[in-house]
PDB file of N, CA and C in Angstrom:
ATOM      1  N   MET A   1     -86.395  72.510  -5.464  1.00  0.00           N
ATOM      2  CA  MET A   1     -86.834  72.004  -4.191  1.00  0.00           C
ATOM      3  C   MET A   1     -87.622  73.095  -3.486  1.00  0.00           C
ATOM      4  N   ASP A   2     -88.777  72.713  -2.989  1.00  0.00           N
ATOM      5  CA  ASP A   2     -89.640  73.612  -2.226  1.00  0.00           C
ATOM      6  C   ASP A   2     -89.799  72.994  -0.845  1.00  0.00           C
ATOM      7  N   CYS A   3     -89.321  73.680   0.190  1.00  0.00           N
ATOM      8  CA  CYS A   3     -89.382  73.072   1.521  1.00  0.00           C
ATOM      9  C   CYS A   3     -89.775  74.092   2.583  1.00  0.00           C
ATOM     10  N   LYS A   4     -90.177  73.553   3.726  1.00  0.00           N
ATOM     11  CA  LYS A   4     -90.560  74.385   4.869  1.00  0.00           C
ATOM     12  C   LYS A   4     -90.257  73.617   6.144  1.00  0.00           C
ATOM     13  N   ALA A   5     -89.713  74.308   7.127  1.00  0.00           N
ATOM     14  CA  ALA A   5     -89.390  73.689   8.409  1.00  0.00           C
ATOM     15  C   ALA A   5     -90.531  73.893   9.394  1.00  0.00           C
ATOM     16  N   ASP A   6     -90.981  72.803   9.981  1.00  0.00           N
ATOM     17  CA  ASP A   6     -91.938  72.841  11.081  1.00  0.00           C
ATOM     18  C   ASP A   6     -91.134  72.572  12.348  1.00  0.00           C
ATOM     19  N   ARG A   7     -90.640  73.644  12.958  1.00  0.00           N
ATOM     20  CA  ARG A   7     -89.727  73.493  14.091  1.00  0.00           C
ATOM     21  C   ARG A   7     -90.411  72.890  15.309  1.00  0.00           C
ATOM     22  N   LYS A   8     -91.687  73.152  15.510  1.00  0.00           N
ATOM     23  CA  LYS A   8     -92.395  72.573  16.654  1.00  0.00           C
ATOM     24  C   LYS A   8     -92.434  71.055  16.567  1.00  0.00           C
ATOM     25  N   ALA A   9     -92.592  70.536  15.354  1.00  0.00           N
ATOM     26  CA  ALA A   9     -92.630  69.084  15.146  1.00  0.00           C
ATOM     27  C   ALA A   9     -91.253  68.527  14.790  1.00  0.00           C
ATOM     28  N   SER A  10     -90.239  69.390  14.701  1.00  0.00           N
ATOM     29  CA  SER A  10     -88.883  68.988  14.294  1.00  0.00           C
ATOM     30  C   SER A  10     -88.884  68.270  12.952  1.00  0.00           C
ATOM     31  N   LEU A  11     -89.696  68.783  12.024  1.00  0.00           N
ATOM     32  CA  LEU A  11     -89.897  68.115  10.740  1.00  0.00           C
ATOM     33  C   LEU A  11     -89.638  69.082   9.593  1.00  0.00           C
ATOM     34  N   LEU A  12     -88.782  68.657   8.668  1.00  0.00           N
ATOM     35  CA  LEU A  12     -88.537  69.428   7.455  1.00  0.00           C
ATOM     36  C   LEU A  12     -89.399  68.836   6.359  1.00  0.00           C
ATOM     37  N   HIS A  13     -90.348  69.619   5.873  1.00  0.00           N
ATOM     38  CA  HIS A  13     -91.225  69.188   4.783  1.00  0.00           C
ATOM     39  C   HIS A  13     -90.576  69.570   3.458  1.00  0.00           C
ATOM     40  N   ILE A  14     -90.344  68.600   2.608  1.00  0.00           N
ATOM     41  CA  ILE A  14     -89.929  68.879   1.236  1.00  0.00           C
ATOM     42  C   ILE A  14     -91.187  68.693   0.403  1.00  0.00           C
ATOM     43  N   HIS A  15     -91.789  69.820   0.021  1.00  0.00           N
ATOM     44  CA  HIS A  15     -93.061  69.778  -0.690  1.00  0.00           C
ATOM     45  C   HIS A  15     -92.912  69.293  -2.116  1.00  0.00           C
ATOM     46  N   HIS A  16     -91.797  69.641  -2.754  1.00  0.00           N
ATOM     47  CA  HIS A  16     -91.586  69.208  -4.137  1.00  0.00           C
ATOM     48  C   HIS A  16     -90.085  69.154  -4.404  1.00  0.00           C
ATOM     49  N   LEU A  17     -89.631  68.023  -4.892  1.00  0.00           N
ATOM     50  CA  LEU A  17     -88.234  67.843  -5.268  1.00  0.00           C
ATOM     51  C   LEU A  17     -88.206  67.386  -6.717  1.00  0.00           C
ATOM     52  N   ALA A  18     -87.578  68.164  -7.577  1.00  0.00           N
ATOM     53  CA  ALA A  18     -87.491  67.842  -9.000  1.00  0.00           C
ATOM     54  C   ALA A  18     -86.026  67.680  -9.389  1.00  0.00           C
ATOM     55  N   LEU A  19     -85.714  66.553 -10.018  1.00  0.00           N
ATOM     56  CA  LEU A  19     -84.347  66.270 -10.459  1.00  0.00           C
ATOM     57  C   LEU A  19     -84.367  65.833 -11.913  1.00  0.00           C
ATOM     58  N   GLU A  20     -83.394  66.311 -12.671  1.00  0.00           N
ATOM     59  CA  GLU A  20     -83.279  65.922 -14.075  1.00  0.00           C
ATOM     60  C   GLU A  20     -82.368  64.711 -14.203  1.00  0.00           C
ATOM     61  N   GLY A  21     -82.597  63.948 -15.246  1.00  0.00           N
ATOM     62  CA  GLY A  21     -81.861  62.711 -15.465  1.00  0.00           C
ATOM     63  C   GLY A  21     -80.361  62.865 -15.535  1.00  0.00           C
ATOM     64  N   THR A  22     -79.886  63.974 -16.098  1.00  0.00           N
ATOM     65  CA  THR A  22     -78.443  64.159 -16.216  1.00  0.00           C
ATOM     66  C   THR A  22     -77.786  64.273 -14.841  1.00  0.00           C
ATOM     67  N   ILE A  23     -78.481  64.842 -13.889  1.00  0.00           N
ATOM     68  CA  ILE A  23     -77.949  64.945 -12.519  1.00  0.00           C
ATOM     69  C   ILE A  23     -77.946  63.570 -11.865  1.00  0.00           C
ATOM     70  N   LEU A  24     -78.986  62.799 -12.086  1.00  0.00           N
ATOM     71  CA  LEU A  24     -79.086  61.484 -11.466  1.00  0.00           C
ATOM     72  C   LEU A  24     -78.021  60.518 -11.969  1.00  0.00           C
ATOM     73  N   LYS A  25     -77.479  60.773 -13.151  1.00  0.00           N
ATOM     74  CA  LYS A  25     -76.422  59.915 -13.693  1.00  0.00           C
ATOM     75  C   LYS A  25     -75.075  60.171 -13.034  1.00  0.00           C
ATOM     76  N   ASN A  26     -74.941  61.288 -12.331  1.00  0.00           N
ATOM     77  CA  ASN A  26     -73.701  61.623 -11.637  1.00  0.00           C
ATOM     78  C   ASN A  26     -73.679  60.897 -10.290  1.00  0.00           C
ATOM     79  N   ASP A  27     -72.752  59.952 -10.132  1.00  0.00           N
ATOM     80  CA  ASP A  27     -72.692  59.130  -8.914  1.00  0.00           C
ATOM     81  C   ASP A  27     -72.457  59.940  -7.645  1.00  0.00           C
ATOM     82  N   ALA A  28     -71.838  61.095  -7.761  1.00  0.00           N
ATOM     83  CA  ALA A  28     -71.531  61.906  -6.582  1.00  0.00           C
ATOM     84  C   ALA A  28     -72.715  62.762  -6.142  1.00  0.00           C
ATOM     85  N   PHE A  29     -73.742  62.902  -6.984  1.00  0.00           N
ATOM     86  CA  PHE A  29     -74.823  63.839  -6.677  1.00  0.00           C
ATOM     87  C   PHE A  29     -75.644  63.430  -5.460  1.00  0.00           C
ATOM     88  N   LEU A  30     -76.165  62.217  -5.434  1.00  0.00           N
ATOM     89  CA  LEU A  30     -77.054  61.827  -4.333  1.00  0.00           C
ATOM     90  C   LEU A  30     -76.369  61.852  -2.964  1.00  0.00           C
ATOM     91  N   PRO A  31     -75.141  61.347  -2.828  1.00  0.00           N
ATOM     92  CA  PRO A  31     -74.478  61.489  -1.522  1.00  0.00           C
ATOM     93  C   PRO A  31     -74.278  62.956  -1.126  1.00  0.00           C
ATOM     94  N   ALA A  32     -73.948  63.814  -2.100  1.00  0.00           N
ATOM     95  CA  ALA A  32     -73.766  65.239  -1.809  1.00  0.00           C
ATOM     96  C   ALA A  32     -75.092  65.885  -1.413  1.00  0.00           C
ATOM     97  N   LEU A  33     -76.172  65.516  -2.100  1.00  0.00           N
ATOM     98  CA  LEU A  33     -77.494  66.048  -1.754  1.00  0.00           C
ATOM     99  C   LEU A  33     -77.881  65.642  -0.336  1.00  0.00           C
ATOM    100  N   LEU A  34     -77.678  64.377   0.007  1.00  0.00           N
ATOM    101  CA  LEU A  34     -78.015  63.913   1.355  1.00  0.00           C
ATOM    102  C   LEU A  34     -77.198  64.628   2.417  1.00  0.00           C
ATOM    103  N   LYS A  35     -75.933  64.857   2.141  1.00  0.00           N
ATOM    104  CA  LYS A  35     -75.079  65.583   3.093  1.00  0.00           C
ATOM    105  C   LYS A  35     -75.609  66.995   3.326  1.00  0.00           C
ATOM    106  N   GLU A  36     -75.953  67.686   2.246  1.00  0.00           N
ATOM    107  CA  GLU A  36     -76.448  69.055   2.373  1.00  0.00           C
ATOM    108  C   GLU A  36     -77.836  69.105   3.010  1.00  0.00           C
ATOM    109  N   LEU A  37     -78.682  68.123   2.703  1.00  0.00           N
ATOM    110  CA  LEU A  37     -80.002  68.063   3.350  1.00  0.00           C
ATOM    111  C   LEU A  37     -79.850  67.870   4.851  1.00  0.00           C
ATOM    112  N   TYR A  38     -78.900  67.046   5.264  1.00  0.00           N
ATOM    113  CA  TYR A  38     -78.662  66.834   6.696  1.00  0.00           C
ATOM    114  C   TYR A  38     -78.232  68.149   7.365  1.00  0.00           C
ATOM    115  N   CYS A  39     -77.333  68.890   6.714  1.00  0.00           N
ATOM    116  CA  CYS A  39     -76.903  70.187   7.258  1.00  0.00           C
ATOM    117  C   CYS A  39     -78.078  71.165   7.338  1.00  0.00           C
ATOM    118  N   PHE A  40     -78.902  71.194   6.306  1.00  0.00           N
ATOM    119  CA  PHE A  40     -80.073  72.075   6.274  1.00  0.00           C
ATOM    120  C   PHE A  40     -81.075  71.670   7.356  1.00  0.00           C
ATOM    121  N   LEU A  41     -81.213  70.380   7.565  1.00  0.00           N
ATOM    122  CA  LEU A  41     -82.097  69.837   8.603  1.00  0.00           C
ATOM    123  C   LEU A  41     -81.662  70.348   9.976  1.00  0.00           C
ATOM    124  N   LYS A  42     -80.389  70.212  10.278  1.00  0.00           N
ATOM    125  CA  LYS A  42     -79.866  70.646  11.578  1.00  0.00           C
ATOM    126  C   LYS A  42     -79.932  72.168  11.723  1.00  0.00           C
ATOM    127  N   PHE A  43     -79.650  72.908  10.656  1.00  0.00           N
ATOM    128  CA  PHE A  43     -79.724  74.369  10.683  1.00  0.00           C
ATOM    129  C   PHE A  43     -81.125  74.832  11.078  1.00  0.00           C
ATOM    130  N   ASN A  44     -82.142  74.093  10.619  1.00  0.00           N
ATOM    131  CA  ASN A  44     -83.534  74.448  10.905  1.00  0.00           C
ATOM    132  C   ASN A  44     -84.077  73.769  12.158  1.00  0.00           C
ATOM    133  N   HIS A  45     -83.211  73.170  12.959  1.00  0.00           N
ATOM    134  CA  HIS A  45     -83.579  72.519  14.222  1.00  0.00           C
ATOM    135  C   HIS A  45     -84.624  71.428  14.016  1.00  0.00           C
ATOM    136  N   CYS A  46     -84.425  70.635  12.977  1.00  0.00           N
ATOM    137  CA  CYS A  46     -85.314  69.513  12.675  1.00  0.00           C
ATOM    138  C   CYS A  46     -84.521  68.213  12.782  1.00  0.00           C
ATOM    139  N   ASN A  47     -85.251  67.098  12.946  1.00  0.00           N
ATOM    140  CA  ASN A  47     -84.573  65.810  12.972  1.00  0.00           C
ATOM    141  C   ASN A  47     -85.228  64.774  12.064  1.00  0.00           C
ATOM    142  N   LYS A  48     -86.240  65.197  11.299  1.00  0.00           N
ATOM    143  CA  LYS A  48     -86.917  64.305  10.359  1.00  0.00           C
ATOM    144  C   LYS A  48     -87.201  65.052   9.065  1.00  0.00           C
ATOM    145  N   ILE A  49     -87.279  64.289   7.968  1.00  0.00           N
ATOM    146  CA  ILE A  49     -87.638  64.840   6.664  1.00  0.00           C
ATOM    147  C   ILE A  49     -88.855  64.085   6.146  1.00  0.00           C
ATOM    148  N   GLN A  50     -89.793  64.832   5.595  1.00  0.00           N
ATOM    149  CA  GLN A  50     -90.935  64.214   4.925  1.00  0.00           C
ATOM    150  C   GLN A  50     -90.975  64.738   3.489  1.00  0.00           C
ATOM    151  N   LEU A  51     -90.872  63.824   2.532  1.00  0.00           N
ATOM    152  CA  LEU A  51     -90.918  64.166   1.120  1.00  0.00           C
ATOM    153  C   LEU A  51     -92.339  63.954   0.622  1.00  0.00           C
ATOM    154  N   HIS A  52     -92.979  65.042   0.190  1.00  0.00           N
ATOM    155  CA  HIS A  52     -94.378  64.982  -0.222  1.00  0.00           C
ATOM    156  C   HIS A  52     -94.545  64.677  -1.712  1.00  0.00           C
ATOM    157  N   ARG A  53     -93.726  65.283  -2.544  1.00  0.00           N
ATOM    158  CA  ARG A  53     -93.877  65.116  -3.990  1.00  0.00           C
ATOM    159  C   ARG A  53     -92.512  65.172  -4.649  1.00  0.00           C
ATOM    160  N   ARG A  54     -92.289  64.299  -5.602  1.00  0.00           N
ATOM    161  CA  ARG A  54     -91.013  64.288  -6.297  1.00  0.00           C
ATOM    162  C   ARG A  54     -91.230  64.048  -7.779  1.00  0.00           C
ATOM    163  N   PHE A  55     -90.268  64.543  -8.539  1.00  0.00           N
ATOM    164  CA  PHE A  55     -90.300  64.348  -9.986  1.00  0.00           C
ATOM    165  C   PHE A  55     -88.878  64.066 -10.427  1.00  0.00           C
ATOM    166  N   PHE A  56     -88.663  62.877 -10.972  1.00  0.00           N
ATOM    167  CA  PHE A  56     -87.354  62.497 -11.499  1.00  0.00           C
ATOM    168  C   PHE A  56     -87.513  62.287 -12.990  1.00  0.00           C
ATOM    169  N   GLU A  57     -86.865  63.136 -13.749  1.00  0.00           N
ATOM    170  CA  GLU A  57     -86.939  63.044 -15.204  1.00  0.00           C
ATOM    171  C   GLU A  57     -85.761  62.199 -15.677  1.00  0.00           C
ATOM    172  N   ILE A  58     -86.062  61.053 -16.269  1.00  0.00           N
ATOM    173  CA  ILE A  58     -85.030  60.136 -16.728  1.00  0.00           C
ATOM    174  C   ILE A  58     -84.922  60.232 -18.247  1.00  0.00           C
ATOM    175  N   PHE A  59     -83.721  60.465 -18.715  1.00  0.00           N
ATOM    176  CA  PHE A  59     -83.474  60.524 -20.156  1.00  0.00           C
ATOM    177  C   PHE A  59     -82.856  59.208 -20.593  1.00  0.00           C
ATOM    178  N   SER A  60     -83.306  58.671 -21.676  1.00  0.00           N
ATOM    179  CA  SER A  60     -82.659  57.494 -22.228  1.00  0.00           C
ATOM    180  C   SER A  60     -81.715  57.940 -23.331  1.00  0.00           C
ATOM    181  N   GLY A  61     -80.485  57.524 -23.192  1.00  0.00           N
ATOM    182  CA  GLY A  61     -79.555  57.871 -24.257  1.00  0.00           C
ATOM    183  C   GLY A  61     -78.423  58.666 -23.833  1.00  0.00           C
TER     184      GLY A  61
END
Protein backbone atom coordinates (compact mmCIF):
# COMPACT_ATOMS: atom_id res chain seq x y z
CA MET A 1 0.00 0.00 0.00
CA ASP A 2 1.28 3.42 -0.99
CA CYS A 3 -0.61 6.28 0.63
CA LYS A 4 -0.40 9.96 1.49
CA ALA A 5 -2.53 12.15 3.74
CA ASP A 6 -3.80 15.48 2.44
CA ARG A 7 -4.69 17.00 5.80
CA LYS A 8 -5.97 20.28 4.33
CA ALA A 9 -8.57 18.36 2.32
CA SER A 10 -9.04 15.73 5.09
CA LEU A 11 -8.38 13.09 2.44
CA LEU A 12 -6.24 9.97 2.63
CA HIS A 13 -5.01 9.05 -0.84
CA ILE A 14 -4.25 5.38 -1.36
CA HIS A 15 -2.16 5.57 -4.51
CA HIS A 16 -1.71 1.83 -4.91
CA LEU A 17 -3.16 -1.12 -3.03
CA ALA A 18 -1.96 -4.60 -3.98
CA LEU A 19 -3.44 -7.77 -2.48
CA GLU A 20 -2.65 -11.40 -3.23
CA GLY A 21 -5.35 -14.00 -3.70
CA THR A 22 -4.38 -16.03 -0.65
CA ILE A 23 -5.08 -13.03 1.59
CA LEU A 24 -8.42 -12.36 -0.08
CA LYS A 25 -9.54 -15.92 0.70
CA ASN A 26 -9.22 -15.20 4.43
CA ASP A 27 -12.66 -14.01 5.60
CA ALA A 28 -11.18 -12.04 8.49
CA PHE A 29 -8.77 -10.01 6.33
CA LEU A 30 -11.05 -7.38 4.77
CA PRO A 31 -12.84 -6.43 8.01
CA ALA A 32 -9.44 -6.18 9.74
CA LEU A 33 -8.03 -4.06 6.90
CA LEU A 34 -11.01 -1.69 7.06
CA LYS A 35 -10.65 -1.36 10.83
CA GLU A 36 -6.96 -0.48 10.53
CA LEU A 37 -7.57 1.91 7.62
CA TYR A 38 -10.15 3.74 9.75
CA CYS A 39 -7.60 4.07 12.60
CA PHE A 40 -4.94 5.28 10.14
CA LEU A 41 -7.46 7.74 8.67
CA LYS A 42 -8.20 9.27 12.08
CA PHE A 43 -4.49 9.29 13.07
CA ASN A 44 -3.80 11.43 9.98
CA HIS A 45 -6.76 13.77 10.70
CA CYS A 46 -8.63 12.69 7.58
CA ASN A 47 -12.26 11.72 7.09
CA LYS A 48 -12.27 10.40 3.51
CA ILE A 49 -10.32 7.82 1.52
CA GLN A 50 -9.66 7.90 -2.20
CA LEU A 51 -8.34 4.72 -3.82
CA HIS A 52 -6.47 5.54 -7.02
CA ARG A 53 -5.09 2.19 -8.15
CA ARG A 54 -5.54 -1.37 -6.99
CA PHE A 55 -4.28 -4.79 -7.93
CA PHE A 56 -5.97 -7.96 -6.71
CA GLU A 57 -4.21 -11.13 -7.75
CA ILE A 58 -6.67 -14.02 -7.76
CA PHE A 59 -5.37 -17.57 -7.77
CA SER A 60 -7.54 -20.39 -8.98
CA GLY A 61 -7.03 -23.57 -7.09
